[in-house]
C-alpha atoms as a PDB file:
ATOM      1  CA  MET A   1      -0.009   0.000   0.009  1.00  0.00           C
ATOM      2  CA  SER A   2       1.397   3.361  -1.026  1.00  0.00           C
ATOM      3  CA  ASN A   3       1.785   6.317   1.390  1.00  0.00           C
ATOM      4  CA  THR A   4      -1.151   8.068  -0.301  1.00  0.00           C
ATOM      5  CA  ASP A   5      -3.371   5.050   0.192  1.00  0.00           C
ATOM      6  CA  LYS A   6      -2.293   4.792   3.831  1.00  0.00           C
ATOM      7  CA  LEU A   7      -3.150   8.459   4.387  1.00  0.00           C
ATOM      8  CA  MET A   8      -6.571   8.104   2.780  1.00  0.00           C
ATOM      9  CA  GLN A   9      -7.298   5.026   4.844  1.00  0.00           C
ATOM     10  CA  ARG A  10      -6.257   6.839   8.030  1.00  0.00           C
ATOM     11  CA  ILE A  11      -8.643   9.699   7.198  1.00  0.00           C
ATOM     12  CA  LYS A  12     -11.464   7.246   6.597  1.00  0.00           C
ATOM     13  CA  ASP A  13     -10.784   5.459   9.851  1.00  0.00           C
ATOM     14  CA  SER A  14     -10.744   8.696  11.819  1.00  0.00           C
ATOM     15  CA  GLY A  15     -14.220   9.631  10.599  1.00  0.00           C
ATOM     16  CA  ASP A  16     -13.193  13.224   9.813  1.00  0.00           C
ATOM     17  CA  GLN A  17     -15.178  14.916   7.061  1.00  0.00           C
ATOM     18  CA  PRO A  18     -13.576  17.409   4.623  1.00  0.00           C
ATOM     19  CA  ILE A  19     -14.560  21.052   5.153  1.00  0.00           C
ATOM     20  CA  PRO A  20     -16.984  22.209   2.449  1.00  0.00           C
ATOM     21  CA  LYS A  21     -15.583  24.650  -0.060  1.00  0.00           C
ATOM     22  CA  TRP A  22     -18.365  27.175   0.621  1.00  0.00           C
ATOM     23  CA  LYS A  23     -17.041  27.640   4.185  1.00  0.00           C
ATOM     24  CA  PHE A  24     -13.657  28.700   2.867  1.00  0.00           C
ATOM     25  CA  VAL A  25     -15.345  31.045   0.392  1.00  0.00           C
ATOM     26  CA  LEU A  26     -17.577  32.513   3.107  1.00  0.00           C
ATOM     27  CA  LYS A  27     -14.685  33.036   5.479  1.00  0.00           C
ATOM     28  CA  ARG A  28     -12.590  34.742   2.786  1.00  0.00           C
ATOM     29  CA  SER A  29     -15.529  36.976   1.805  1.00  0.00           C
ATOM     30  CA  ILE A  30     -16.117  38.043   5.418  1.00  0.00           C
ATOM     31  CA  ILE A  31     -12.439  38.833   5.888  1.00  0.00           C
ATOM     32  CA  TRP A  32     -12.179  40.953   2.774  1.00  0.00           C
ATOM     33  CA  PHE A  33     -15.516  42.670   3.460  1.00  0.00           C
ATOM     34  CA  SER A  34     -14.310  43.535   6.970  1.00  0.00           C
ATOM     35  CA  PHE A  35     -11.058  44.902   5.579  1.00  0.00           C
ATOM     36  CA  GLY A  36     -12.837  47.007   2.936  1.00  0.00           C
ATOM     37  CA  PHE A  37     -15.406  48.323   5.402  1.00  0.00           C
ATOM     38  CA  ALA A  38     -12.690  49.229   7.977  1.00  0.00           C
ATOM     39  CA  VAL A  39     -10.555  51.039   5.355  1.00  0.00           C
ATOM     40  CA  ILE A  40     -13.503  53.040   4.032  1.00  0.00           C
ATOM     41  CA  ALA A  41     -14.763  53.879   7.557  1.00  0.00           C
ATOM     42  CA  GLY A  42     -11.218  54.904   8.536  1.00  0.00           C
ATOM     43  CA  SER A  43     -11.058  57.089   5.426  1.00  0.00           C
ATOM     44  CA  LEU A  44     -14.299  58.847   6.415  1.00  0.00           C
ATOM     45  CA  ALA A  45     -12.929  59.431   9.894  1.00  0.00           C
ATOM     46  CA  PHE A  46      -9.743  60.873   8.469  1.00  0.00           C
ATOM     47  CA  SER A  47     -11.744  63.209   6.190  1.00  0.00           C
ATOM     48  CA  VAL A  48     -13.613  64.571   9.214  1.00  0.00           C
ATOM     49  CA  ILE A  49     -10.268  65.099  10.987  1.00  0.00           C
ATOM     50  CA  LEU A  50      -9.006  67.133   8.044  1.00  0.00           C
ATOM     51  CA  PHE A  51     -12.194  69.194   8.009  1.00  0.00           C
ATOM     52  CA  SER A  52     -11.956  69.800  11.752  1.00  0.00           C
ATOM     53  CA  LEU A  53      -8.344  70.902  11.529  1.00  0.00           C
ATOM     54  CA  ARG A  54      -9.161  73.337   8.723  1.00  0.00           C
ATOM     55  CA  GLU A  55     -12.170  74.792  10.542  1.00  0.00           C
ATOM     56  CA  THR A  56     -10.369  75.278  13.844  1.00  0.00           C
ATOM     57  CA  GLY A  57      -8.107  77.864  12.215  1.00  0.00           C
ATOM     58  CA  PHE A  58      -4.671  76.570  13.138  1.00  0.00           C
ATOM     59  CA  TRP A  59      -3.047  79.516  11.416  1.00  0.00           C
ATOM     60  CA  ALA A  60      -3.929  81.424  14.606  1.00  0.00           C
ATOM     61  CA  LEU A  61      -1.633  79.222  16.758  1.00  0.00           C
ATOM     62  CA  GLN A  62       1.123  81.800  16.410  1.00  0.00           C
ATOM     63  CA  HIS A  63      -1.005  84.125  18.516  1.00  0.00           C
ATOM     64  CA  LEU A  64      -1.645  81.645  21.343  1.00  0.00           C
ATOM     65  CA  ASP A  65       0.246  81.345  24.615  1.00  0.00           C
ATOM     66  CA  HIS A  66       0.801  78.119  26.563  1.00  0.00           C
ATOM     67  CA  SER A  67      -2.790  77.959  27.895  1.00  0.00           C
ATOM     68  CA  GLY A  68      -4.069  78.657  24.394  1.00  0.00           C
ATOM     69  CA  TRP A  69      -2.147  75.659  23.041  1.00  0.00           C
ATOM     70  CA  GLU A  70      -3.725  73.484  25.717  1.00  0.00           C
ATOM     71  CA  MET A  71      -7.156  74.714  24.659  1.00  0.00           C
ATOM     72  CA  VAL A  72      -6.505  73.903  21.004  1.00  0.00           C
ATOM     73  CA  LEU A  73      -5.320  70.415  21.905  1.00  0.00           C
ATOM     74  CA  SER A  74      -8.532  69.914  23.878  1.00  0.00           C
ATOM     75  CA  LEU A  75     -10.540  70.828  20.782  1.00  0.00           C
ATOM     76  CA  LEU A  76      -8.998  68.156  18.544  1.00  0.00           C
ATOM     77  CA  PRO A  77     -11.590  65.676  17.198  1.00  0.00           C
ATOM     78  CA  PHE A  78     -10.606  62.826  19.514  1.00  0.00           C
ATOM     79  CA  ILE A  79     -13.779  60.861  18.702  1.00  0.00           C
ATOM     80  CA  TRP A  80     -12.700  60.670  15.064  1.00  0.00           C
ATOM     81  CA  LEU A  81      -9.067  60.010  15.971  1.00  0.00           C
ATOM     82  CA  ILE A  82     -10.132  57.067  18.092  1.00  0.00           C
ATOM     83  CA  ALA A  83     -12.462  55.855  15.324  1.00  0.00           C
ATOM     84  CA  LEU A  84      -9.598  56.047  12.820  1.00  0.00           C
ATOM     85  CA  LEU A  85      -7.358  53.971  15.128  1.00  0.00           C
ATOM     86  CA  ILE A  86     -10.077  51.362  15.739  1.00  0.00           C
ATOM     87  CA  PHE A  87     -10.867  50.908  12.058  1.00  0.00           C
ATOM     88  CA  LEU A  88      -7.137  50.753  11.261  1.00  0.00           C
ATOM     89  CA  LEU A  89      -6.745  47.931  13.772  1.00  0.00           C
ATOM     90  CA  VAL A  90      -9.761  46.114  12.363  1.00  0.00           C
ATOM     91  CA  ALA A  91      -8.351  46.396   8.833  1.00  0.00           C
ATOM     92  CA  ILE A  92      -4.975  45.064   9.901  1.00  0.00           C
ATOM     93  CA  TYR A  93      -6.527  42.156  11.879  1.00  0.00           C
ATOM     94  CA  SER A  94      -8.791  41.212   8.952  1.00  0.00           C
ATOM     95  CA  ILE A  95      -6.037  41.147   6.369  1.00  0.00           C
ATOM     96  CA  GLN A  96      -3.684  39.211   8.646  1.00  0.00           C
ATOM     97  CA  SER A  97      -6.396  36.607   9.107  1.00  0.00           C
ATOM     98  CA  SER A  98      -6.561  36.028   5.348  1.00  0.00           C
ATOM     99  CA  ASP A  99      -4.651  33.332   3.493  1.00  0.00           C
ATOM    100  CA  LYS A 100      -2.215  35.990   2.256  1.00  0.00           C
ATOM    101  CA  GLY A 101      -1.679  37.653   5.622  1.00  0.00           C
ATOM    102  CA  TYR A 102       1.634  35.919   6.225  1.00  0.00           C
ATOM    103  CA  LYS A 103       3.250  37.425   3.155  1.00  0.00           C
ATOM    104  CA  LEU A 104       3.917  40.850   4.724  1.00  0.00           C
ATOM    105  CA  THR A 105       5.104  41.954   8.140  1.00  0.00           C
ATOM    106  CA  LEU A 106       2.792  43.692  10.594  1.00  0.00           C
ATOM    107  CA  SER A 107       4.540  47.046  10.064  1.00  0.00           C
ATOM    108  CA  LYS A 108       3.952  46.826   6.292  1.00  0.00           C
ATOM    109  CA  TRP A 109       0.259  45.999   6.755  1.00  0.00           C
ATOM    110  CA  VAL A 110      -0.041  48.987   9.108  1.00  0.00           C
ATOM    111  CA  GLY A 111       1.653  51.211   6.546  1.00  0.00           C
ATOM    112  CA  TYR A 112      -0.480  50.010   3.638  1.00  0.00           C
ATOM    113  CA  SER A 113      -3.768  50.226   5.552  1.00  0.00           C
ATOM    114  CA  ALA A 114      -2.971  53.710   6.883  1.00  0.00           C
ATOM    115  CA  ALA A 115      -1.856  54.894   3.435  1.00  0.00           C
ATOM    116  CA  ILE A 116      -5.089  53.728   1.806  1.00  0.00           C
ATOM    117  CA  SER A 117      -7.207  55.396   4.566  1.00  0.00           C
ATOM    118  CA  ILE A 118      -5.244  58.640   4.206  1.00  0.00           C
ATOM    119  CA  VAL A 119      -5.486  58.769   0.403  1.00  0.00           C
ATOM    120  CA  LEU A 120      -9.194  57.901   0.324  1.00  0.00           C
ATOM    121  CA  GLY A 121      -9.866  60.196   3.288  1.00  0.00           C
ATOM    122  CA  THR A 122      -8.192  63.088   1.496  1.00  0.00           C
ATOM    123  CA  ILE A 123     -10.331  62.457  -1.597  1.00  0.00           C
ATOM    124  CA  PHE A 124     -13.501  62.346   0.548  1.00  0.00           C
ATOM    125  CA  TYR A 125     -12.461  65.575   2.247  1.00  0.00           C
ATOM    126  CA  LEU A 126     -11.824  67.396  -1.045  1.00  0.00           C
ATOM    127  CA  GLY A 127     -15.201  66.202  -2.276  1.00  0.00           C
ATOM    128  CA  GLY A 128     -16.985  67.617   0.784  1.00  0.00           C
ATOM    129  CA  GLY A 129     -17.471  64.255   2.479  1.00  0.00           C
ATOM    130  CA  GLY A 130     -15.816  65.261   5.741  1.00  0.00           C
ATOM    131  CA  GLN A 131     -18.036  68.319   6.158  1.00  0.00           C
ATOM    132  CA  TRP A 132     -21.171  66.347   5.239  1.00  0.00           C
ATOM    133  CA  LEU A 133     -20.389  63.598   7.760  1.00  0.00           C
ATOM    134  CA  GLU A 134     -19.520  66.103  10.514  1.00  0.00           C
ATOM    135  CA  ASN A 135     -22.742  68.073   9.899  1.00  0.00           C
ATOM    136  CA  THR A 136     -24.755  64.867   9.920  1.00  0.00           C
ATOM    137  CA  PHE A 137     -23.370  63.811  13.287  1.00  0.00           C
ATOM    138  CA  ALA A 138     -23.837  67.326  14.692  1.00  0.00           C
ATOM    139  CA  SER A 139     -27.513  67.364  13.711  1.00  0.00           C
ATOM    140  CA  LYS A 140     -28.381  63.746  14.567  1.00  0.00           C
ATOM    141  CA  ALA A 141     -26.311  62.916  17.658  1.00  0.00           C
ATOM    142  CA  SER A 142     -27.167  64.944  20.744  1.00  0.00           C
ATOM    143  CA  PHE A 143     -23.982  63.919  22.560  1.00  0.00           C
ATOM    144  CA  TYR A 144     -21.768  65.133  19.694  1.00  0.00           C
ATOM    145  CA  GLU A 145     -20.099  68.557  19.984  1.00  0.00           C
ATOM    146  CA  SER A 146     -19.853  70.031  16.494  1.00  0.00           C
ATOM    147  CA  VAL A 147     -16.760  71.553  14.946  1.00  0.00           C
ATOM    148  CA  GLN A 148     -18.489  74.926  14.863  1.00  0.00           C
ATOM    149  CA  GLU A 149     -19.145  74.765  18.601  1.00  0.00           C
ATOM    150  CA  LYS A 150     -15.518  73.879  19.286  1.00  0.00           C
ATOM    151  CA  LYS A 151     -14.382  76.567  16.905  1.00  0.00           C
ATOM    152  CA  ALA A 152     -16.461  79.191  18.694  1.00  0.00           C
ATOM    153  CA  ARG A 153     -14.728  78.340  21.953  1.00  0.00           C
ATOM    154  CA  ILE A 154     -11.444  79.574  20.534  1.00  0.00           C
ATOM    155  CA  TRP A 155     -12.767  82.612  18.686  1.00  0.00           C
ATOM    156  CA  MET A 156     -15.044  84.015  21.396  1.00  0.00           C
ATOM    157  CA  GLN A 157     -12.240  85.157  23.644  1.00  0.00           C
ATOM    158  CA  PRO A 158     -11.918  88.939  23.056  1.00  0.00           C
ATOM    159  CA  GLU A 159      -9.880  89.354  26.225  1.00  0.00           C
ATOM    160  CA  ASN A 160      -7.274  87.023  24.670  1.00  0.00           C
ATOM    161  CA  GLY A 161      -7.339  88.688  21.271  1.00  0.00           C
ATOM    162  CA  PHE A 162      -9.899  86.476  19.461  1.00  0.00           C
ATOM    163  CA  LEU A 163     -13.327  87.624  18.299  1.00  0.00           C
ATOM    164  CA  ALA A 164     -15.902  86.414  15.812  1.00  0.00           C
ATOM    165  CA  GLY A 165     -19.371  87.420  14.651  1.00  0.00           C
ATOM    166  CA  THR A 166     -21.484  88.894  11.885  1.00  0.00           C
ATOM    167  CA  LEU A 167     -20.914  92.270  10.263  1.00  0.00           C
ATOM    168  CA  THR A 168     -23.999  94.428  10.628  1.00  0.00           C
ATOM    169  CA  GLU A 169     -22.732  97.762   9.242  1.00  0.00           C
ATOM    170  CA  ILE A 170     -19.805  98.933   7.112  1.00  0.00           C
ATOM    171  CA  LYS A 171     -18.401 102.399   7.821  1.00  0.00           C
ATOM    172  CA  PRO A 172     -15.449 104.154   6.176  1.00  0.00           C
ATOM    173  CA  ASP A 173     -13.344 104.001   9.346  1.00  0.00           C
ATOM    174  CA  ALA A 174     -14.879 101.050  11.202  1.00  0.00           C
ATOM    175  CA  LEU A 175     -16.997  97.909  11.068  1.00  0.00           C
ATOM    176  CA  ILE A 176     -19.955  97.272  13.289  1.00  0.00           C
ATOM    177  CA  MET A 177     -20.157  93.603  14.263  1.00  0.00           C
ATOM    178  CA  LYS A 178     -22.410  91.529  16.476  1.00  0.00           C
ATOM    179  CA  ASP A 179     -20.517  88.637  18.036  1.00  0.00           C
ATOM    180  CA  PHE A 180     -21.964  85.161  18.375  1.00  0.00           C
ATOM    181  CA  ASN A 181     -23.079  85.994  21.898  1.00  0.00           C
ATOM    182  CA  GLY A 182     -25.150  88.945  20.690  1.00  0.00           C
ATOM    183  CA  LYS A 183     -22.841  91.746  21.822  1.00  0.00           C
ATOM    184  CA  SER A 184     -22.248  94.661  19.404  1.00  0.00           C
ATOM    185  CA  TRP A 185     -18.662  95.736  18.676  1.00  0.00           C
ATOM    186  CA  VAL A 186     -16.957  98.585  16.829  1.00  0.00           C
ATOM    187  CA  ILE A 187     -14.067  97.109  14.847  1.00  0.00           C
ATOM    188  CA  LYS A 188     -11.170  99.389  13.927  1.00  0.00           C
ATOM    189  CA  TYR A 189      -9.282  97.891  11.004  1.00  0.00           C
ATOM    190  CA  GLU A 190      -7.197 100.606   9.359  1.00  0.00           C
ATOM    191  CA  ASP A 191      -3.935  98.644   9.409  1.00  0.00           C
ATOM    192  CA  ALA A 192      -5.412  95.134   9.580  1.00  0.00           C
ATOM    193  CA  PHE A 193      -4.635  92.284   7.236  1.00  0.00           C
ATOM    194  CA  ILE A 194      -7.824  91.350   5.330  1.00  0.00           C
ATOM    195  CA  ALA A 195      -7.979  87.899   3.735  1.00  0.00           C
ATOM    196  CA  PRO A 196      -8.224  88.267  -0.074  1.00  0.00           C
ATOM    197  CA  VAL A 197     -11.262  85.962  -0.257  1.00  0.00           C
ATOM    198  CA  LEU A 198     -13.200  88.098   2.232  1.00  0.00           C
ATOM    199  CA  ARG A 199     -15.787  90.683   1.179  1.00  0.00           C
ATOM    200  CA  LEU A 200     -16.516  93.283   3.811  1.00  0.00           C
ATOM    201  CA  GLU A 201     -20.295  93.515   3.585  1.00  0.00           C
ATOM    202  CA  GLU A 202     -23.283  93.275   5.847  1.00  0.00           C
ATOM    203  CA  GLY A 203     -24.148  89.698   6.848  1.00  0.00           C
ATOM    204  CA  GLU A 204     -20.592  88.391   6.390  1.00  0.00           C
ATOM    205  CA  GLU A 205     -19.362  86.183   9.227  1.00  0.00           C
ATOM    206  CA  VAL A 206     -15.752  86.869  10.202  1.00  0.00           C
ATOM    207  CA  LYS A 207     -13.131  85.990  12.748  1.00  0.00           C
ATOM    208  CA  LEU A 208     -10.662  88.564  14.074  1.00  0.00           C
ATOM    209  CA  VAL A 209      -7.279  88.636  15.783  1.00  0.00           C
ATOM    210  CA  GLY A 210      -6.425  91.828  17.646  1.00  0.00           C
ATOM    211  CA  ASN A 211      -6.937  93.553  20.979  1.00  0.00           C
ATOM    212  CA  ILE A 212      -9.732  95.229  22.958  1.00  0.00           C
ATOM    213  CA  LYS A 213      -9.221  98.990  22.864  1.00  0.00           C
ATOM    214  CA  VAL A 214     -12.098  99.944  25.161  1.00  0.00           C
ATOM    215  CA  ASP A 215     -15.199  98.098  26.403  1.00  0.00           C
ATOM    216  CA  ASN A 216     -16.870  97.490  23.010  1.00  0.00           C
ATOM    217  CA  THR A 217     -14.098  98.548  20.597  1.00  0.00           C
ATOM    218  CA  PHE A 218     -11.786  95.991  19.082  1.00  0.00           C
ATOM    219  CA  LEU A 219      -8.611  96.901  17.215  1.00  0.00           C
ATOM    220  CA  ALA A 220      -8.225  94.240  14.509  1.00  0.00           C
ATOM    221  CA  GLU A 221      -4.850  93.012  13.270  1.00  0.00           C
ATOM    222  CA  GLU A 222      -6.254  90.263  11.027  1.00  0.00           C
ATOM    223  CA  ILE A 223      -9.739  89.737   9.529  1.00  0.00           C
ATOM    224  CA  ARG A 224     -10.649  86.425   7.933  1.00  0.00           C
ATOM    225  CA  PRO A 225     -13.887  84.724   6.849  1.00  0.00           C
ATOM    226  CA  TRP A 226     -15.480  82.542   9.471  1.00  0.00           C
ATOM    227  CA  GLN A 227     -15.656  79.557   7.134  1.00  0.00           C
ATOM    228  CA  GLY A 228     -13.631  79.821   3.927  1.00  0.00           C
ATOM    229  CA  ARG A 229     -15.450  81.162   0.896  1.00  0.00           C
ATOM    230  CA  LYS A 230     -18.860  80.053   2.053  1.00  0.00           C
ATOM    231  CA  LYS A 231     -21.030  81.690   4.597  1.00  0.00           C
ATOM    232  CA  SER A 232     -22.020  79.475   7.465  1.00  0.00           C
ATOM    233  CA  ARG A 233     -24.585  79.503  10.179  1.00  0.00           C
ATOM    234  CA  GLN A 234     -23.799  80.935  13.543  1.00  0.00           C
ATOM    235  CA  PRO A 235     -22.545  78.385  16.079  1.00  0.00           C
ATOM    236  CA  GLY A 236     -25.274  76.511  17.856  1.00  0.00           C
ATOM    237  CA  ARG A 237     -27.951  77.078  15.229  1.00  0.00           C
END
């Protein structure tokens, strides 16, 4: 009796049944579905992170002191950072559980998974996906603090040189602005930097860097749109 015949006879004697092919196919499908879902979900999380970083206005960090830096760090979108990490781990675990998982080291799978999420996330962000997802969570989830609410925390600190609101009147030597708390301000801006994309007109929402001159007069050093080229709603609405 040949070795092959002996092996076949041993299998028959043991009573073991071969695993059906459909189980292998199902397992492989679940693994690759999990990997694809985790990568796409991680990409969406990364797109929201990019949107949050843009909206926070990190160009203003140069004006912040030590306590200001701590505030900015507290405003980072940790929910989405954690989600990105979780989906990255799920993607890596899924692919390592596949029949090809042994071909690359863990560090390479981490790099590939992260690279795919970053590339796709950047594409989603450029297409407006990050803003859409963030706005959806802000409107649907009561526990979720929106980017605009976090952003307002930084920009409603006139005593620290940050102020934001809606322009209500344009004068030759000053701007009249109502901040997002409803207080009216006179904005002096003779020597201020004005962002090229900004139009100084009634109804425009802006953010300012400068100093309080007297109780309701603010001397602006920089004037920028509240949200890029598009007008946005006031925080909390």
